N, C-alpha and C. Protein backbone atom coordinates (compact mmCIF):
# COMPACT_ATOMS: atom_id res chain seq x y z
N MET A 1 77.48 115.53 202.12
CA MET A 1 77.36 116.69 202.98
C MET A 1 78.37 116.65 204.12
N LYS A 2 78.53 115.45 204.75
CA LYS A 2 79.49 115.31 205.84
C LYS A 2 80.91 115.54 205.34
N LYS A 3 81.20 115.06 204.14
CA LYS A 3 82.54 115.20 203.57
C LYS A 3 82.84 116.67 203.31
N LYS A 4 81.87 117.43 202.83
CA LYS A 4 82.05 118.85 202.56
C LYS A 4 82.30 119.62 203.86
N LYS A 5 81.55 119.28 204.90
CA LYS A 5 81.73 119.93 206.19
C LYS A 5 83.12 119.64 206.75
N TRP A 6 83.58 118.40 206.62
CA TRP A 6 84.90 118.01 207.09
C TRP A 6 85.99 118.76 206.32
N SER A 7 85.83 118.95 205.02
CA SER A 7 86.79 119.68 204.19
C SER A 7 86.88 121.14 204.61
N VAL A 8 85.73 121.76 204.88
CA VAL A 8 85.72 123.16 205.31
C VAL A 8 86.40 123.31 206.66
N LEU A 9 86.12 122.42 207.59
CA LEU A 9 86.76 122.46 208.90
C LEU A 9 88.27 122.25 208.79
N SER A 10 88.69 121.35 207.92
CA SER A 10 90.12 121.12 207.71
C SER A 10 90.79 122.36 207.14
N LEU A 11 90.15 123.01 206.19
CA LEU A 11 90.68 124.24 205.60
C LEU A 11 90.81 125.35 206.64
N ILE A 12 89.80 125.49 207.47
CA ILE A 12 89.85 126.49 208.54
C ILE A 12 90.99 126.17 209.51
N GLY A 13 91.17 124.92 209.84
CA GLY A 13 92.26 124.51 210.73
C GLY A 13 93.62 124.83 210.15
N VAL A 14 93.79 124.60 208.85
CA VAL A 14 95.06 124.90 208.19
C VAL A 14 95.32 126.41 208.21
N VAL A 15 94.30 127.20 207.91
CA VAL A 15 94.44 128.66 207.90
C VAL A 15 94.81 129.16 209.30
N VAL A 16 94.18 128.63 210.33
CA VAL A 16 94.49 129.03 211.70
C VAL A 16 95.94 128.67 212.05
N MET A 17 96.38 127.49 211.67
CA MET A 17 97.76 127.06 211.95
C MET A 17 98.77 127.95 211.24
N VAL A 18 98.50 128.31 210.00
CA VAL A 18 99.40 129.18 209.24
C VAL A 18 99.47 130.56 209.91
N CYS A 19 98.33 131.09 210.31
CA CYS A 19 98.30 132.40 210.98
C CYS A 19 99.06 132.35 212.30
N ILE A 20 98.90 131.31 213.06
CA ILE A 20 99.62 131.16 214.33
C ILE A 20 101.13 131.09 214.07
N THR A 21 101.54 130.37 213.04
CA THR A 21 102.95 130.28 212.69
C THR A 21 103.52 131.65 212.35
N PHE A 22 102.80 132.42 211.54
CA PHE A 22 103.25 133.77 211.18
C PHE A 22 103.38 134.66 212.40
N VAL A 23 102.41 134.61 213.28
CA VAL A 23 102.43 135.46 214.48
C VAL A 23 103.60 135.08 215.39
N LEU A 24 103.83 133.79 215.58
CA LEU A 24 104.88 133.34 216.50
C LEU A 24 106.29 133.54 215.95
N THR A 25 106.44 133.63 214.63
CA THR A 25 107.77 133.77 214.04
C THR A 25 108.08 135.20 213.61
N LYS A 26 107.20 136.15 213.90
CA LYS A 26 107.46 137.55 213.56
C LYS A 26 108.63 138.06 214.40
N PRO A 27 109.66 138.66 213.78
CA PRO A 27 110.79 139.17 214.56
C PRO A 27 110.37 140.27 215.54
N SER A 28 111.10 140.33 216.65
CA SER A 28 110.83 141.33 217.68
C SER A 28 111.89 142.42 217.64
N GLU A 29 111.77 143.40 218.53
CA GLU A 29 112.78 144.45 218.65
C GLU A 29 114.14 143.84 219.04
N THR A 30 114.12 142.83 219.87
CA THR A 30 115.37 142.16 220.26
C THR A 30 116.03 141.52 219.05
N ASP A 31 115.24 140.92 218.18
CA ASP A 31 115.78 140.34 216.95
C ASP A 31 116.41 141.42 216.07
N PHE A 32 115.79 142.60 216.04
CA PHE A 32 116.35 143.71 215.27
C PHE A 32 117.71 144.12 215.82
N VAL A 33 117.85 144.18 217.14
CA VAL A 33 119.12 144.56 217.76
C VAL A 33 120.20 143.55 217.39
N VAL A 34 119.89 142.27 217.48
CA VAL A 34 120.85 141.22 217.13
C VAL A 34 121.23 141.34 215.65
N TRP A 35 120.26 141.58 214.80
CA TRP A 35 120.51 141.74 213.36
C TRP A 35 121.43 142.94 213.10
N MET A 36 121.17 144.07 213.77
CA MET A 36 122.02 145.26 213.60
C MET A 36 123.46 144.96 214.00
N GLU A 37 123.63 144.33 215.16
CA GLU A 37 124.98 144.04 215.65
C GLU A 37 125.73 143.11 214.71
N GLN A 38 125.05 142.14 214.14
CA GLN A 38 125.69 141.21 213.23
C GLN A 38 125.92 141.81 211.85
N THR A 39 124.96 142.55 211.34
CA THR A 39 125.05 143.08 209.97
C THR A 39 126.07 144.20 209.86
N TYR A 40 126.10 145.09 210.85
CA TYR A 40 126.96 146.27 210.75
C TYR A 40 128.15 146.25 211.71
N ASP A 41 128.33 145.15 212.43
CA ASP A 41 129.44 145.02 213.38
C ASP A 41 129.49 146.22 214.32
N VAL A 42 128.35 146.49 214.97
CA VAL A 42 128.22 147.62 215.88
C VAL A 42 127.95 147.11 217.29
N ASN A 43 128.05 148.02 218.25
CA ASN A 43 127.73 147.72 219.63
C ASN A 43 126.55 148.59 220.04
N CYS A 44 125.35 148.02 220.06
CA CYS A 44 124.15 148.78 220.42
C CYS A 44 124.23 149.19 221.89
N LEU A 45 123.80 150.41 222.17
CA LEU A 45 123.92 150.97 223.51
C LEU A 45 122.62 150.91 224.31
N ASP A 46 121.53 150.46 223.69
CA ASP A 46 120.25 150.36 224.40
C ASP A 46 119.46 149.17 223.86
N ASP A 47 118.30 148.95 224.44
CA ASP A 47 117.49 147.77 224.10
C ASP A 47 116.90 147.80 222.70
N ASN A 48 116.74 148.99 222.10
CA ASN A 48 116.14 149.11 220.77
C ASN A 48 117.15 149.45 219.69
N CYS A 49 118.40 149.56 220.06
CA CYS A 49 119.49 149.96 219.16
C CYS A 49 119.21 151.35 218.58
N ASP A 50 118.73 152.25 219.43
CA ASP A 50 118.52 153.64 219.02
C ASP A 50 119.85 154.41 219.00
N ALA A 51 120.87 153.84 219.59
CA ALA A 51 122.22 154.41 219.55
C ALA A 51 123.21 153.25 219.54
N PHE A 52 124.29 153.43 218.81
CA PHE A 52 125.32 152.40 218.76
C PHE A 52 126.68 153.02 218.48
N LYS A 53 127.71 152.30 218.83
CA LYS A 53 129.08 152.70 218.55
C LYS A 53 129.58 151.86 217.37
N VAL A 54 130.32 152.53 216.48
CA VAL A 54 130.85 151.84 215.30
C VAL A 54 132.24 152.39 215.01
N LYS A 55 133.12 151.53 214.51
CA LYS A 55 134.46 151.95 214.11
C LYS A 55 134.39 152.50 212.69
N VAL A 56 134.99 153.69 212.50
CA VAL A 56 135.02 154.32 211.18
C VAL A 56 136.45 154.77 210.89
N ILE A 57 136.69 155.10 209.63
CA ILE A 57 137.99 155.64 209.22
C ILE A 57 137.81 157.13 208.98
N GLU A 58 138.57 157.91 209.72
CA GLU A 58 138.50 159.36 209.55
C GLU A 58 139.93 159.90 209.50
N GLY A 59 140.25 160.56 208.40
CA GLY A 59 141.60 161.11 208.25
C GLY A 59 142.68 160.05 208.24
N GLY A 60 142.37 158.87 207.72
CA GLY A 60 143.34 157.79 207.64
C GLY A 60 143.52 157.00 208.91
N GLU A 61 142.79 157.32 209.96
CA GLU A 61 142.92 156.57 211.21
C GLU A 61 141.56 156.05 211.67
N ASN A 62 141.61 154.94 212.41
CA ASN A 62 140.38 154.36 212.94
C ASN A 62 139.88 155.18 214.12
N LYS A 63 138.58 155.36 214.17
CA LYS A 63 137.96 156.15 215.22
C LYS A 63 136.63 155.48 215.57
N VAL A 64 136.21 155.57 216.83
CA VAL A 64 134.91 155.05 217.25
C VAL A 64 133.96 156.23 217.41
N ILE A 65 132.82 156.15 216.71
CA ILE A 65 131.82 157.22 216.81
C ILE A 65 130.51 156.63 217.31
N THR A 66 129.65 157.51 217.79
CA THR A 66 128.33 157.11 218.25
C THR A 66 127.29 157.59 217.24
N MET A 67 126.48 156.68 216.77
CA MET A 67 125.38 156.99 215.86
C MET A 67 124.09 156.93 216.67
N GLN A 68 123.19 157.89 216.42
CA GLN A 68 121.92 157.92 217.14
C GLN A 68 120.77 158.10 216.16
N VAL A 69 119.60 157.65 216.56
CA VAL A 69 118.41 157.81 215.72
C VAL A 69 118.05 159.28 215.64
N SER A 70 117.88 159.77 214.41
CA SER A 70 117.39 161.13 214.24
C SER A 70 115.91 161.12 213.90
N SER A 71 115.46 160.06 213.27
CA SER A 71 114.03 159.87 213.02
C SER A 71 113.81 158.40 212.66
N GLY A 72 112.58 157.99 212.75
CA GLY A 72 112.30 156.60 212.41
C GLY A 72 110.91 156.18 212.81
N GLY A 73 110.55 155.00 212.38
CA GLY A 73 109.25 154.46 212.70
C GLY A 73 109.32 152.95 212.84
N TYR A 74 108.41 152.43 213.63
CA TYR A 74 108.34 150.98 213.88
C TYR A 74 106.89 150.56 213.73
N SER A 75 106.66 149.53 212.94
CA SER A 75 105.31 149.03 212.73
C SER A 75 105.25 147.57 213.17
N PRO A 76 104.72 147.32 214.36
CA PRO A 76 104.61 145.95 214.83
C PRO A 76 103.33 145.30 214.32
N GLY A 77 103.30 144.99 213.04
CA GLY A 77 102.12 144.38 212.45
C GLY A 77 101.83 143.01 213.02
N THR A 78 100.71 142.45 212.64
CA THR A 78 100.32 141.13 213.13
C THR A 78 101.25 140.04 212.63
N PHE A 79 101.60 140.08 211.35
CA PHE A 79 102.43 139.04 210.76
C PHE A 79 103.82 139.53 210.38
N VAL A 80 104.00 140.84 210.21
CA VAL A 80 105.23 141.41 209.69
C VAL A 80 105.69 142.56 210.58
N MET A 81 107.00 142.64 210.81
CA MET A 81 107.60 143.75 211.53
C MET A 81 108.28 144.65 210.50
N LYS A 82 107.98 145.95 210.54
CA LYS A 82 108.64 146.90 209.65
C LYS A 82 109.31 147.96 210.49
N ARG A 83 110.52 148.34 210.07
CA ARG A 83 111.22 149.40 210.79
C ARG A 83 111.95 150.27 209.78
N GLU A 84 111.72 151.56 209.89
CA GLU A 84 112.43 152.55 209.08
C GLU A 84 113.12 153.49 210.06
N VAL A 85 114.44 153.62 209.93
CA VAL A 85 115.19 154.39 210.91
C VAL A 85 116.34 155.14 210.22
N LYS A 86 116.58 156.35 210.68
CA LYS A 86 117.66 157.18 210.17
C LYS A 86 118.62 157.47 211.33
N TYR A 87 119.86 157.00 211.18
CA TYR A 87 120.90 157.20 212.18
C TYR A 87 121.82 158.33 211.72
N ARG A 88 122.26 159.15 212.66
CA ARG A 88 123.19 160.23 212.38
C ARG A 88 124.20 160.33 213.51
N ASN A 89 125.38 160.83 213.18
CA ASN A 89 126.37 161.21 214.18
C ASN A 89 126.22 162.71 214.33
N PHE A 90 125.84 163.17 215.51
CA PHE A 90 125.53 164.57 215.69
C PHE A 90 126.78 165.46 215.74
N GLU A 91 127.94 164.87 215.97
CA GLU A 91 129.18 165.65 215.92
C GLU A 91 129.63 165.88 214.48
N ASN A 92 129.39 164.88 213.62
CA ASN A 92 129.77 164.98 212.21
C ASN A 92 128.62 164.41 211.38
N PRO A 93 127.71 165.27 210.90
CA PRO A 93 126.51 164.79 210.21
C PRO A 93 126.77 164.11 208.86
N SER A 94 128.03 164.07 208.42
CA SER A 94 128.30 163.37 207.16
C SER A 94 128.23 161.85 207.33
N TYR A 95 128.28 161.36 208.56
CA TYR A 95 128.09 159.93 208.82
C TYR A 95 126.60 159.64 208.87
N ILE A 96 126.13 158.81 207.95
CA ILE A 96 124.70 158.50 207.90
C ILE A 96 124.47 157.00 207.72
N LEU A 97 123.35 156.56 208.21
CA LEU A 97 122.87 155.20 207.97
C LEU A 97 121.35 155.26 208.00
N ASP A 98 120.73 155.11 206.85
CA ASP A 98 119.27 155.09 206.73
C ASP A 98 118.85 153.69 206.35
N LEU A 99 117.97 153.11 207.14
CA LEU A 99 117.55 151.72 206.93
C LEU A 99 116.04 151.63 206.80
N ASN A 100 115.62 150.73 205.95
CA ASN A 100 114.22 150.34 205.84
C ASN A 100 114.24 148.82 205.77
N VAL A 101 113.79 148.17 206.84
CA VAL A 101 113.84 146.70 206.92
C VAL A 101 112.46 146.13 207.19
N ILE A 102 112.33 144.87 206.85
CA ILE A 102 111.08 144.15 207.08
C ILE A 102 111.43 142.79 207.70
N GLY A 103 110.63 142.37 208.66
CA GLY A 103 110.85 141.09 209.31
C GLY A 103 109.65 140.19 209.11
N PHE A 104 109.92 138.96 208.67
CA PHE A 104 108.85 138.01 208.37
C PHE A 104 109.41 136.61 208.55
N LEU A 105 108.64 135.73 209.19
CA LEU A 105 109.03 134.34 209.42
C LEU A 105 110.41 134.22 210.08
N GLY A 106 110.67 135.07 211.07
CA GLY A 106 111.90 134.97 211.84
C GLY A 106 113.12 135.58 211.19
N LYS A 107 112.99 136.16 210.03
CA LYS A 107 114.13 136.76 209.33
C LYS A 107 113.89 138.24 209.10
N ILE A 108 114.97 139.01 209.16
CA ILE A 108 114.91 140.44 208.87
C ILE A 108 115.63 140.67 207.55
N SER A 109 114.97 141.37 206.65
CA SER A 109 115.53 141.62 205.32
C SER A 109 115.58 143.11 205.04
N MET A 110 116.60 143.50 204.32
CA MET A 110 116.79 144.89 203.93
C MET A 110 115.86 145.22 202.76
N VAL A 111 115.12 146.32 202.90
CA VAL A 111 114.30 146.83 201.80
C VAL A 111 115.07 147.94 201.10
N ASP A 112 115.67 148.85 201.89
CA ASP A 112 116.41 149.97 201.33
C ASP A 112 117.47 150.39 202.34
N GLU A 113 118.63 150.81 201.83
CA GLU A 113 119.73 151.23 202.70
C GLU A 113 120.50 152.36 202.05
N THR A 114 120.79 153.40 202.84
CA THR A 114 121.71 154.46 202.46
C THR A 114 122.76 154.52 203.56
N LYS A 115 124.02 154.32 203.16
CA LYS A 115 125.07 154.20 204.17
C LYS A 115 126.29 155.02 203.77
N ARG A 116 126.80 155.81 204.71
CA ARG A 116 128.11 156.45 204.56
C ARG A 116 128.72 156.49 205.95
N LEU A 117 129.57 155.53 206.21
CA LEU A 117 130.22 155.45 207.51
C LEU A 117 131.72 155.70 207.40
N THR A 118 132.13 156.37 206.35
CA THR A 118 133.52 156.83 206.23
C THR A 118 133.47 158.31 205.89
N ASN A 119 134.51 159.01 206.23
CA ASN A 119 134.55 160.45 205.99
C ASN A 119 135.66 160.78 205.00
N GLU A 120 135.86 159.90 204.04
CA GLU A 120 136.93 160.12 203.07
C GLU A 120 136.40 160.15 201.67
């Protein structure tokens, strides 16, 4: 009986430790900004990367444009961070970047991406 009680307590302790690990390693909005800057070589203009500047090729020449969020959602779950965001350039709507990402255990991974950052 004592051995069974000890096993149950050990199992509960392991489950609690795993849950704490998941909660502490869930990526934050700051992690998303760092990921965006590294993945797309952009310069985020705010704390949530709702707007950023990116170099594009237009008419055979390099140009810097500003992309802004046109719609999106953020789900700060207990163990997982999910973000779905649609970026547009309001001067030229042919520039698009639609992202669906998930963050788990300190890493952000792409679920789905639609990208057109050239106008050629």
